[in-house]
């Protein structure tokens, strides 16, 4: 490495301003991205020119495209089926994630094959994929070394090498493997190094293996947001819609903005929320200016209380009384995060920002955002179904009290009189009417999400207990060696069998409601619920098991008297 040149650039307004092919631009458009991130805008032109770069970015969600798009564009048809690009990643999860993303960008480049290779997957399957020819290979250092030794991966025609999250690979002890691979590839190649930090060790590798690299660096900016409370929720990607709906019900904001990374996701989420009975409006760059103005005016006037938007479209939002901002997708750039949460807590008012995080890598990216804004983003638990029902009950009581005060319900008096003549009490009639209001709730999704929350809480308690009883630094156990490790009673689940199931049209929500009401226990003690045709199996934390068994002696579920028995262990059944 001879010279170091630091690059800065103005972020272009769209991908149309970048020198990329119509096939890649079409793929980007279909994915719904409106503009490149800063790291993409700086890196892509340099890499397309064939330069080596050292990229430093605080969050990792935008950098795969930063090197992935140039790789796709520089693949030569004359070297078809030969490995022309190798991307080294620290973990199998990142290798898989990068592979999936690059395949999307290469969707209309039909001659390009992308193959991931990593430990934990049977090597024969990978050998078969490599034998059929792969222009782009993405792998972990250990597995790449394994294939090089077997000669199932050949790098004779390699023109581009990427070290992704180089600092993490060094922390994991891969330096020797990386240097062995670097010495084995053609000297005439383009090399790209991405790292969140620029340690001496990183710079040593760059100095030895990169040629006149450009440094692409995002300057850290500090943000002071004293009026904005910042929280995050750990949410699997498949449960984000249910979680969002639950949070909207629980917090009931007067005005909220939900941010997504793509136009496609904005439209899909708007449809999902409308299906669930909410009335959101969408805002993104594909909409005509007149339509965008109409949406913005409605939001400002309070006619629309939920706005779903992309980062680009949200730049023109100037509303002082936004209660909550939801980061439905983790933003692709720390500056986007700053702009997003700045939509709330304005004009001296307080506000809240809630961010959805899925998986270990997004937790790391969130930690990097924290380091830049110099503020802790607190973890928050998803509200349980019981807590949501309590909130809904309070709202319903308020609504009924308003109706009683207005006295506009006289036309229903005749119906009530008929039901009373049929020997139903007024309490029975009122309860039946209220049950009709809740009949169409999405019980299956709610129950699954509650099950997930319970599993997360149980896992956290077990981890806390293990940490409390782990060996101290001197290596001596706090407990006698002969004492068997036993989980505390409240952390052990007891399974119960309830003689009601699918055939009785029962749902998990019905069972949860009955247990919490009859046994007077918190829904947090209820674990997995498995519904069968004629019976259901319910997990109850050990500390509450006896209370549940006693409380459910004469319980009724869906109008049927049920029996509740502890599930026999397999040994006893034999």
Foldseek 3Di string as FASTA:
>chain_A
DPAEAADFDDFDQACVVPPADPLLNVLCVVVFFGGADRLLRTQQVCVLVVAEAEEAALADQRCLCSVLRSLLRPQDPVQQLAAAEEEADAAQVVLVVSQVVSCSSCVVVVRAAEEEWEPPDDVVVRLVVSVSGHHYYYYHLVRVVVCVVVVSHDQANYAEYEYEQVVSNVVVPCPVSVVVVLVRHDLNHHYYYYHNDDDPVNVVCCVVRHDRYYYYYDDFAADDQPQEAFAEEADALVLLLVLVVLVCLQVVWLAEEEEDNGLVVQVVSCVSVVVVPAHEEEFEDVDDPVVLVVNLVCRQVSVHRYYYYYLVRCPPRDHAAHAEYEHSDDDSHLVSVVVRSVSYCPPVHHHYYYYYAYDDSSVSSVVSSCVRHVHDRHYDARDAPVSSVVSVVVVVVVVVVVCVVVVPPVVCVVVVVVVVVVVDDPVRVVVVVVVVVVVPDPQVSRLVVNQVSLVVVLVVVVVVVCVVQDDDPVRDGPDPPVDDDDDDQQSDKWKKKKFAAVLLVAGPVLVLVQQCVQLVDDSSQWHDWAGDNGIIITIGRRVCVVSSQVSLPQTAGSNHGMHMDTDDDPVVVD
